Amino acid sequence: MDQDTLRILLREAVRETVAEVLQTVLELDRTAFLQVHGGRRNGYYPRKLETTFGQVDLKVPRDRESRYYPAFLKPYARRLVDVGEVAVALYA
């Protein structure tokens, strides 16, 4: 296996991991929002997001009253600047 193939495989693995982490963060964020504000879950809507590691497809959770919006996703933004910044912002 040459270096280019290894780079491609590694980049794809990192992209998939980023997608899984972001999806988990979205779920936890909605759960926390609903615990504080009340309400009920209401499915998902698809959204593509460009990250440093490539495009990821997310299922953004919703609530019945349409009050919830993910803390780290800006409306209509299609690029995520830095995943590290998101982690720090959500921890704070």
PDB file of N, CA and C in Angstrom:
ATOM      1  N   MET A   1       0.855  -1.169   0.000  1.00  0.00           N
ATOM      2  CA  MET A   1       0.000   0.000   0.000  1.00  0.00           C
ATOM      3  C   MET A   1       0.906   1.239   0.000  1.00  0.00           C
ATOM      4  N   ASP A   2       0.669   2.134  -0.942  1.00  0.00           N
ATOM      5  CA  ASP A   2       1.495   3.340  -1.021  1.00  0.00           C
ATOM      6  C   ASP A   2       0.952   4.435  -0.095  1.00  0.00           C
ATOM      7  N   GLN A   3       1.699   5.519   0.047  1.00  0.00           N
ATOM      8  CA  GLN A   3       1.338   6.598   0.970  1.00  0.00           C
ATOM      9  C   GLN A   3       0.048   7.313   0.576  1.00  0.00           C
ATOM     10  N   ASP A   4      -0.173   7.502  -0.717  1.00  0.00           N
ATOM     11  CA  ASP A   4      -1.389   8.195  -1.153  1.00  0.00           C
ATOM     12  C   ASP A   4      -2.641   7.410  -0.777  1.00  0.00           C
ATOM     13  N   THR A   5      -2.589   6.103  -0.982  1.00  0.00           N
ATOM     14  CA  THR A   5      -3.733   5.263  -0.619  1.00  0.00           C
ATOM     15  C   THR A   5      -3.958   5.286   0.887  1.00  0.00           C
ATOM     16  N   LEU A   6      -2.879   5.230   1.635  1.00  0.00           N
ATOM     17  CA  LEU A   6      -2.982   5.277   3.088  1.00  0.00           C
ATOM     18  C   LEU A   6      -3.564   6.613   3.554  1.00  0.00           C
ATOM     19  N   ARG A   7      -3.151   7.701   2.948  1.00  0.00           N
ATOM     20  CA  ARG A   7      -3.692   9.026   3.279  1.00  0.00           C
ATOM     21  C   ARG A   7      -5.189   9.103   3.006  1.00  0.00           C
ATOM     22  N   ILE A   8      -5.600   8.570   1.862  1.00  0.00           N
ATOM     23  CA  ILE A   8      -7.015   8.588   1.494  1.00  0.00           C
ATOM     24  C   ILE A   8      -7.834   7.773   2.505  1.00  0.00           C
ATOM     25  N   LEU A   9      -7.351   6.591   2.859  1.00  0.00           N
ATOM     26  CA  LEU A   9      -8.061   5.752   3.822  1.00  0.00           C
ATOM     27  C   LEU A   9      -8.125   6.406   5.199  1.00  0.00           C
ATOM     28  N   LEU A  10      -7.031   7.025   5.614  1.00  0.00           N
ATOM     29  CA  LEU A  10      -6.995   7.690   6.910  1.00  0.00           C
ATOM     30  C   LEU A  10      -7.929   8.893   6.935  1.00  0.00           C
ATOM     31  N   ARG A  11      -7.914   9.671   5.864  1.00  0.00           N
ATOM     32  CA  ARG A  11      -8.796  10.841   5.794  1.00  0.00           C
ATOM     33  C   ARG A  11     -10.271  10.426   5.841  1.00  0.00           C
ATOM     34  N   GLU A  12     -10.608   9.343   5.140  1.00  0.00           N
ATOM     35  CA  GLU A  12     -11.982   8.845   5.147  1.00  0.00           C
ATOM     36  C   GLU A  12     -12.378   8.356   6.544  1.00  0.00           C
ATOM     37  N   ALA A  13     -11.473   7.667   7.223  1.00  0.00           N
ATOM     38  CA  ALA A  13     -11.756   7.192   8.580  1.00  0.00           C
ATOM     39  C   ALA A  13     -11.970   8.360   9.534  1.00  0.00           C
ATOM     40  N   VAL A  14     -11.163   9.399   9.403  1.00  0.00           N
ATOM     41  CA  VAL A  14     -11.320  10.580  10.252  1.00  0.00           C
ATOM     42  C   VAL A  14     -12.629  11.291   9.928  1.00  0.00           C
ATOM     43  N   ARG A  15     -12.971  11.405   8.661  1.00  0.00           N
ATOM     44  CA  ARG A  15     -14.227  12.053   8.260  1.00  0.00           C
ATOM     45  C   ARG A  15     -15.426  11.313   8.848  1.00  0.00           C
ATOM     46  N   GLU A  16     -15.411   9.991   8.784  1.00  0.00           N
ATOM     47  CA  GLU A  16     -16.500   9.200   9.352  1.00  0.00           C
ATOM     48  C   GLU A  16     -16.579   9.364  10.866  1.00  0.00           C
ATOM     49  N   THR A  17     -15.433   9.435  11.521  1.00  0.00           N
ATOM     50  CA  THR A  17     -15.407   9.635  12.967  1.00  0.00           C
ATOM     51  C   THR A  17     -15.961  11.005  13.330  1.00  0.00           C
ATOM     52  N   VAL A  18     -15.586  12.027  12.562  1.00  0.00           N
ATOM     53  CA  VAL A  18     -16.107  13.379  12.798  1.00  0.00           C
ATOM     54  C   VAL A  18     -17.625  13.381  12.641  1.00  0.00           C
ATOM     55  N   ALA A  19     -18.133  12.705  11.627  1.00  0.00           N
ATOM     56  CA  ALA A  19     -19.579  12.641  11.410  1.00  0.00           C
ATOM     57  C   ALA A  19     -20.273  11.959  12.584  1.00  0.00           C
ATOM     58  N   GLU A  20     -19.709  10.876  13.083  1.00  0.00           N
ATOM     59  CA  GLU A  20     -20.304  10.166  14.220  1.00  0.00           C
ATOM     60  C   GLU A  20     -20.296  11.027  15.480  1.00  0.00           C
ATOM     61  N   VAL A  21     -19.197  11.717  15.723  1.00  0.00           N
ATOM     62  CA  VAL A  21     -19.094  12.574  16.905  1.00  0.00           C
ATOM     63  C   VAL A  21     -20.092  13.727  16.813  1.00  0.00           C
ATOM     64  N   LEU A  22     -20.169  14.372  15.654  1.00  0.00           N
ATOM     65  CA  LEU A  22     -21.117  15.476  15.489  1.00  0.00           C
ATOM     66  C   LEU A  22     -22.555  14.997  15.659  1.00  0.00           C
ATOM     67  N   GLN A  23     -22.870  13.823  15.139  1.00  0.00           N
ATOM     68  CA  GLN A  23     -24.225  13.284  15.289  1.00  0.00           C
ATOM     69  C   GLN A  23     -24.535  13.033  16.761  1.00  0.00           C
ATOM     70  N   THR A  24     -23.579  12.493  17.499  1.00  0.00           N
ATOM     71  CA  THR A  24     -23.768  12.253  18.931  1.00  0.00           C
ATOM     72  C   THR A  24     -23.949  13.566  19.684  1.00  0.00           C
ATOM     73  N   VAL A  25     -23.154  14.574  19.342  1.00  0.00           N
ATOM     74  CA  VAL A  25     -23.272  15.879  19.983  1.00  0.00           C
ATOM     75  C   VAL A  25     -24.641  16.491  19.710  1.00  0.00           C
ATOM     76  N   LEU A  26     -25.141  16.341  18.492  1.00  0.00           N
ATOM     77  CA  LEU A  26     -26.469  16.852  18.163  1.00  0.00           C
ATOM     78  C   LEU A  26     -27.544  16.189  19.031  1.00  0.00           C
ATOM     79  N   GLU A  27     -27.446  14.888  19.189  1.00  0.00           N
ATOM     80  CA  GLU A  27     -28.426  14.160  20.001  1.00  0.00           C
ATOM     81  C   GLU A  27     -28.374  14.628  21.453  1.00  0.00           C
ATOM     82  N   LEU A  28     -27.173  14.741  21.996  1.00  0.00           N
ATOM     83  CA  LEU A  28     -27.018  15.173  23.385  1.00  0.00           C
ATOM     84  C   LEU A  28     -27.474  16.612  23.588  1.00  0.00           C
ATOM     85  N   ASP A  29     -27.210  17.462  22.607  1.00  0.00           N
ATOM     86  CA  ASP A  29     -27.614  18.862  22.689  1.00  0.00           C
ATOM     87  C   ASP A  29     -29.138  18.967  22.721  1.00  0.00           C
ATOM     88  N   ARG A  30     -29.816  18.224  21.863  1.00  0.00           N
ATOM     89  CA  ARG A  30     -31.284  18.263  21.861  1.00  0.00           C
ATOM     90  C   ARG A  30     -31.839  17.706  23.165  1.00  0.00           C
ATOM     91  N   THR A  31     -31.251  16.628  23.664  1.00  0.00           N
ATOM     92  CA  THR A  31     -31.711  16.045  24.919  1.00  0.00           C
ATOM     93  C   THR A  31     -31.587  17.049  26.062  1.00  0.00           C
ATOM     94  N   ALA A  32     -30.450  17.734  26.124  1.00  0.00           N
ATOM     95  CA  ALA A  32     -30.249  18.743  27.169  1.00  0.00           C
ATOM     96  C   ALA A  32     -31.244  19.889  27.013  1.00  0.00           C
ATOM     97  N   PHE A  33     -31.477  20.320  25.796  1.00  0.00           N
ATOM     98  CA  PHE A  33     -32.436  21.402  25.543  1.00  0.00           C
ATOM     99  C   PHE A  33     -33.836  21.004  26.010  1.00  0.00           C
ATOM    100  N   LEU A  34     -34.253  19.799  25.676  1.00  0.00           N
ATOM    101  CA  LEU A  34     -35.589  19.353  26.042  1.00  0.00           C
ATOM    102  C   LEU A  34     -35.741  19.164  27.548  1.00  0.00           C
ATOM    103  N   GLN A  35     -34.668  18.789  28.234  1.00  0.00           N
ATOM    104  CA  GLN A  35     -34.728  18.661  29.690  1.00  0.00           C
ATOM    105  C   GLN A  35     -34.929  20.023  30.342  1.00  0.00           C
ATOM    106  N   VAL A  36     -34.317  21.049  29.795  1.00  0.00           N
ATOM    107  CA  VAL A  36     -34.413  22.388  30.371  1.00  0.00           C
ATOM    108  C   VAL A  36     -35.718  23.066  29.968  1.00  0.00           C
ATOM    109  N   HIS A  37     -36.065  23.011  28.694  1.00  0.00           N
ATOM    110  CA  HIS A  37     -37.195  23.773  28.162  1.00  0.00           C
ATOM    111  C   HIS A  37     -38.476  22.962  27.999  1.00  0.00           C
ATOM    112  N   GLY A  38     -38.404  21.674  28.186  1.00  0.00           N
ATOM    113  CA  GLY A  38     -39.569  20.833  27.966  1.00  0.00           C
ATOM    114  C   GLY A  38     -39.808  20.637  26.481  1.00  0.00           C
ATOM    115  N   GLY A  39     -40.796  19.848  26.168  1.00  0.00           N
ATOM    116  CA  GLY A  39     -41.094  19.592  24.767  1.00  0.00           C
ATOM    117  C   GLY A  39     -40.871  18.137  24.425  1.00  0.00           C
ATOM    118  N   ARG A  40     -41.068  17.843  23.144  1.00  0.00           N
ATOM    119  CA  ARG A  40     -40.943  16.465  22.675  1.00  0.00           C
ATOM    120  C   ARG A  40     -40.106  16.415  21.409  1.00  0.00           C
ATOM    121  N   ARG A  41     -39.498  15.284  21.201  1.00  0.00           N
ATOM    122  CA  ARG A  41     -38.710  15.053  19.983  1.00  0.00           C
ATOM    123  C   ARG A  41     -39.630  15.003  18.779  1.00  0.00           C
ATOM    124  N   ASN A  42     -39.082  15.341  17.598  1.00  0.00           N
ATOM    125  CA  ASN A  42     -39.901  15.299  16.391  1.00  0.00           C
ATOM    126  C   ASN A  42     -39.061  14.963  15.170  1.00  0.00           C
ATOM    127  N   GLY A  43     -38.280  13.919  15.252  1.00  0.00           N
ATOM    128  CA  GLY A  43     -37.550  13.449  14.092  1.00  0.00           C
ATOM    129  C   GLY A  43     -36.316  14.264  13.746  1.00  0.00           C
ATOM    130  N   TYR A  44     -35.961  14.224  12.462  1.00  0.00           N
ATOM    131  CA  TYR A  44     -34.720  14.816  11.979  1.00  0.00           C
ATOM    132  C   TYR A  44     -34.938  15.448  10.613  1.00  0.00           C
ATOM    133  N   TYR A  45     -33.978  16.304  10.224  1.00  0.00           N
ATOM    134  CA  TYR A  45     -33.921  16.756   8.845  1.00  0.00           C
ATOM    135  C   TYR A  45     -32.476  16.644   8.383  1.00  0.00           C
ATOM    136  N   PRO A  46     -32.261  16.338   7.102  1.00  0.00           N
ATOM    137  CA  PRO A  46     -30.888  16.136   6.610  1.00  0.00           C
ATOM    138  C   PRO A  46     -30.165  17.466   6.394  1.00  0.00           C
ATOM    139  N   ARG A  47     -28.860  17.444   6.615  1.00  0.00           N
ATOM    140  CA  ARG A  47     -28.040  18.627   6.366  1.00  0.00           C
ATOM    141  C   ARG A  47     -26.624  18.188   6.036  1.00  0.00           C
ATOM    142  N   LYS A  48     -26.073  18.772   5.009  1.00  0.00           N
ATOM    143  CA  LYS A  48     -24.678  18.520   4.640  1.00  0.00           C
ATOM    144  C   LYS A  48     -23.823  19.617   5.251  1.00  0.00           C
ATOM    145  N   LEU A  49     -22.675  19.229   5.757  1.00  0.00           N
ATOM    146  CA  LEU A  49     -21.793  20.179   6.416  1.00  0.00           C
ATOM    147  C   LEU A  49     -20.361  19.923   5.944  1.00  0.00           C
ATOM    148  N   GLU A  50     -19.703  20.973   5.525  1.00  0.00           N
ATOM    149  CA  GLU A  50     -18.314  20.874   5.061  1.00  0.00           C
ATOM    150  C   GLU A  50     -17.387  21.077   6.256  1.00  0.00           C
ATOM    151  N   THR A  51     -16.540  20.086   6.515  1.00  0.00           N
ATOM    152  CA  THR A  51     -15.573  20.176   7.606  1.00  0.00           C
ATOM    153  C   THR A  51     -14.168  20.179   7.015  1.00  0.00           C
ATOM    154  N   THR A  52     -13.205  20.307   7.867  1.00  0.00           N
ATOM    155  CA  THR A  52     -11.809  20.259   7.446  1.00  0.00           C
ATOM    156  C   THR A  52     -11.482  18.924   6.787  1.00  0.00           C
ATOM    157  N   PHE A  53     -12.203  17.880   7.164  1.00  0.00           N
ATOM    158  CA  PHE A  53     -11.916  16.535   6.678  1.00  0.00           C
ATOM    159  C   PHE A  53     -12.828  16.086   5.554  1.00  0.00           C
ATOM    160  N   GLY A  54     -13.675  16.976   5.065  1.00  0.00           N
ATOM    161  CA  GLY A  54     -14.573  16.650   3.966  1.00  0.00           C
ATOM    162  C   GLY A  54     -16.021  16.843   4.362  1.00  0.00           C
ATOM    163  N   GLN A  55     -16.905  16.577   3.419  1.00  0.00           N
ATOM    164  CA  GLN A  55     -18.333  16.785   3.642  1.00  0.00           C
ATOM    165  C   GLN A  55     -18.920  15.638   4.454  1.00  0.00           C
ATOM    166  N   VAL A  56     -19.740  15.987   5.440  1.00  0.00           N
ATOM    167  CA  VAL A  56     -20.437  14.980   6.231  1.00  0.00           C
ATOM    168  C   VAL A  56     -21.941  15.209   6.106  1.00  0.00           C
ATOM    169  N   ASP A  57     -22.681  14.120   6.121  1.00  0.00           N
ATOM    170  CA  ASP A  57     -24.139  14.173   6.080  1.00  0.00           C
ATOM    171  C   ASP A  57     -24.649  13.967   7.502  1.00  0.00           C
ATOM    172  N   LEU A  58     -25.416  14.933   7.979  1.00  0.00           N
ATOM    173  CA  LEU A  58     -25.942  14.862   9.333  1.00  0.00           C
ATOM    174  C   LEU A  58     -27.456  14.752   9.310  1.00  0.00           C
ATOM    175  N   LYS A  59     -27.992  14.164  10.369  1.00  0.00           N
ATOM    176  CA  LYS A  59     -29.433  14.175  10.612  1.00  0.00           C
ATOM    177  C   LYS A  59     -29.628  15.104  11.802  1.00  0.00           C
ATOM    178  N   VAL A  60     -30.102  16.311  11.537  1.00  0.00           N
ATOM    179  CA  VAL A  60     -30.259  17.307  12.590  1.00  0.00           C
ATOM    180  C   VAL A  60     -31.585  17.059  13.297  1.00  0.00           C
ATOM    181  N   PRO A  61     -31.542  16.859  14.622  1.00  0.00           N
ATOM    182  CA  PRO A  61     -32.767  16.591  15.362  1.00  0.00           C
ATOM    183  C   PRO A  61     -33.660  17.825  15.485  1.00  0.00           C
ATOM    184  N   ARG A  62     -34.968  17.587  15.632  1.00  0.00           N
ATOM    185  CA  ARG A  62     -35.938  18.672  15.800  1.00  0.00           C
ATOM    186  C   ARG A  62     -36.784  18.389  17.044  1.00  0.00           C
ATOM    187  N   ASP A  63     -37.521  19.420  17.442  1.00  0.00           N
ATOM    188  CA  ASP A  63     -38.529  19.229  18.479  1.00  0.00           C
ATOM    189  C   ASP A  63     -39.883  19.641  17.913  1.00  0.00           C
ATOM    190  N   ARG A  64     -40.941  19.281  18.587  1.00  0.00           N
ATOM    191  CA  ARG A  64     -42.299  19.534  18.068  1.00  0.00           C
ATOM    192  C   ARG A  64     -42.620  21.013  17.920  1.00  0.00           C
ATOM    193  N   GLU A  65     -42.126  21.818  18.838  1.00  0.00           N
ATOM    194  CA  GLU A  65     -42.464  23.241  18.820  1.00  0.00           C
ATOM    195  C   GLU A  65     -41.501  24.067  17.967  1.00  0.00           C
ATOM    196  N   SER A  66     -40.523  23.435  17.382  1.00  0.00           N
ATOM    197  CA  SER A  66     -39.501  24.105  16.545  1.00  0.00           C
ATOM    198  C   SER A  66     -38.749  25.195  17.307  1.00  0.00           C
ATOM    199  N   ARG A  67     -38.495  24.957  18.579  1.00  0.00           N
ATOM    200  CA  ARG A  67     -37.717  25.908  19.377  1.00  0.00           C
ATOM    201  C   ARG A  67     -36.242  25.524  19.429  1.00  0.00           C
ATOM    202  N   TYR A  68     -35.958  24.248  19.211  1.00  0.00           N
ATOM    203  CA  TYR A  68     -34.571  23.784  19.318  1.00  0.00           C
ATOM    204  C   TYR A  68     -33.817  24.039  18.020  1.00  0.00           C
ATOM    205  N   TYR A  69     -32.598  24.556  18.159  1.00  0.00           N
ATOM    206  CA  TYR A  69     -31.652  24.632  17.049  1.00  0.00           C
ATOM    207  C   TYR A  69     -30.275  24.354  17.622  1.00  0.00           C
ATOM    208  N   PRO A  70     -29.469  23.523  16.971  1.00  0.00           N
ATOM    209  CA  PRO A  70     -28.171  23.145  17.519  1.00  0.00           C
ATOM    210  C   PRO A  70     -27.310  24.356  17.862  1.00  0.00           C
ATOM    211  N   ALA A  71     -26.676  24.297  19.010  1.00  0.00           N
ATOM    212  CA  ALA A  71     -25.884  25.418  19.512  1.00  0.00           C
ATOM    213  C   ALA A  71     -24.684  25.728  18.616  1.00  0.00           C
ATOM    214  N   PHE A  72     -24.102  24.725  18.005  1.00  0.00           N
ATOM    215  CA  PHE A  72     -22.871  24.961  17.241  1.00  0.00           C
ATOM    216  C   PHE A  72     -23.077  25.108  15.744  1.00  0.00           C
ATOM    217  N   LEU A  73     -24.303  24.939  15.263  1.00  0.00           N
ATOM    218  CA  LEU A  73     -24.572  25.128  13.840  1.00  0.00           C
ATOM    219  C   LEU A  73     -25.260  26.467  13.635  1.00  0.00           C
ATOM    220  N   LYS A  74     -24.667  27.317  12.859  1.00  0.00           N
ATOM    221  CA  LYS A  74     -25.299  28.586  12.543  1.00  0.00           C
ATOM    222  C   LYS A  74     -26.327  28.352  11.423  1.00  0.00           C
ATOM    223  N   PRO A  75     -27.465  29.048  11.490  1.00  0.00           N
ATOM    224  CA  PRO A  75     -28.466  28.863  10.441  1.00  0.00           C
ATOM    225  C   PRO A  75     -27.884  29.141   9.052  1.00  0.00           C
ATOM    226  N   TYR A  76     -28.156  28.253   8.143  1.00  0.00           N
ATOM    227  CA  TYR A  76     -27.758  28.334   6.729  1.00  0.00           C
ATOM    228  C   TYR A  76     -26.256  28.207   6.492  1.00  0.00           C
ATOM    229  N   ALA A  77     -25.456  28.091   7.515  1.00  0.00           N
ATOM    230  CA  ALA A  77     -24.010  27.904   7.325  1.00  0.00           C
ATOM    231  C   ALA A  77     -23.770  26.477   6.853  1.00  0.00           C
ATOM    232  N   ARG A  78     -22.902  26.322   5.914  1.00  0.00           N
ATOM    233  CA  ARG A  78     -22.606  24.996   5.378  1.00  0.00           C
ATOM    234  C   ARG A  78     -21.179  24.555   5.674  1.00  0.00           C
ATOM    235  N   ARG A  79     -20.448  25.376   6.419  1.00  0.00           N
ATOM    236  CA  ARG A  79     -19.080  25.019   6.785  1.00  0.00           C
ATOM    237  C   ARG A  79     -18.896  25.091   8.281  1.00  0.00           C
ATOM    238  N   LEU A  80     -18.205  24.110   8.790  1.00  0.00           N
ATOM    239  CA  LEU A  80     -17.851  24.089  10.195  1.00  0.00           C
ATOM    240  C   LEU A  80     -16.394  24.491  10.272  1.00  0.00           C
ATOM    241  N   VAL A  81     -16.117  25.578  10.954  1.00  0.00           N
ATOM    242  CA  VAL A  81     -14.767  26.133  10.952  1.00  0.00           C
ATOM    243  C   VAL A  81     -13.774  25.175  11.581  1.00  0.00           C
ATOM    244  N   ASP A  82     -13.997  24.783  12.824  1.00  0.00           N
ATOM    245  CA  ASP A  82     -13.048  23.916  13.500  1.00  0.00           C
ATOM    246  C   ASP A  82     -13.797  23.066  14.515  1.00  0.00           C
ATOM    247  N   VAL A  83     -13.638  21.769  14.416  1.00  0.00           N
ATOM    248  CA  VAL A  83     -14.321  20.859  15.321  1.00  0.00           C
ATOM    249  C   VAL A  83     -13.833  21.070  16.752  1.00  0.00           C
ATOM    250  N   GLY A  84     -12.561  21.413  16.931  1.00  0.00           N
ATOM    251  CA  GLY A  84     -12.021  21.679  18.261  1.00  0.00           C
ATOM    252  C   GLY A  84     -12.716  22.849  18.922  1.00  0.00           C
ATOM    253  N   GLU A  85     -13.001  23.895  18.160  1.00  0.00           N
ATOM    254  CA  GLU A  85     -13.711  25.048  18.701  1.00  0.00           C
ATOM    255  C   GLU A  85     -15.111  24.657  19.144  1.00  0.00           C
ATOM    256  N   VAL A  86     -15.749  23.758  18.416  1.00  0.00           N
ATOM    257  CA  VAL A  86     -17.084  23.301  18.772  1.00  0.00           C
ATOM    258  C   VAL A  86     -17.032  22.562  20.098  1.00  0.00           C
ATOM    259  N   ALA A  87     -16.061  21.683  20.247  1.00  0.00           N
ATOM    260  CA  ALA A  87     -15.951  20.916  21.482  1.00  0.00           C
ATOM    261  C   ALA A  87     -15.755  21.833  22.686  1.00  0.00           C
ATOM    262  N   VAL A  88     -14.900  22.832  22.554  1.00  0.00           N
ATOM    263  CA  VAL A  88     -14.659  23.767  23.645  1.00  0.00           C
ATOM    264  C   VAL A  88     -15.910  24.585  23.943  1.00  0.00           C
ATOM    265  N   ALA A  89     -16.619  25.037  22.906  1.00  0.00           N
ATOM    266  CA  ALA A  89     -17.823  25.836  23.101  1.00  0.00           C
ATOM    267  C   ALA A  89     -18.918  25.029  23.807  1.00  0.00           C
ATOM    268  N   LEU A  90     -19.079  23.779  23.430  1.00  0.00           N
ATOM    269  CA  LEU A  90     -20.113  22.956  24.048  1.00  0.00           C
ATOM    270  C   LEU A  90     -19.738  22.577  25.485  1.00  0.00           C
ATOM    271  N   TYR A  91     -18.466  22.409  25.749  1.00  0.00           N
ATOM    272  CA  TYR A  91     -18.030  22.094  27.105  1.00  0.00           C
ATOM    273  C   TYR A  91     -18.280  23.280  28.027  1.00  0.00           C
ATOM    274  N   ALA A  92     -18.053  24.485  27.513  1.00  0.00           N
ATOM    275  CA  ALA A  92     -18.247  25.690  28.332  1.00  0.00           C
ATOM    276  C   ALA A  92     -19.718  25.865  28.584  1.00  0.00           C
TER     277      ALA A  92
END
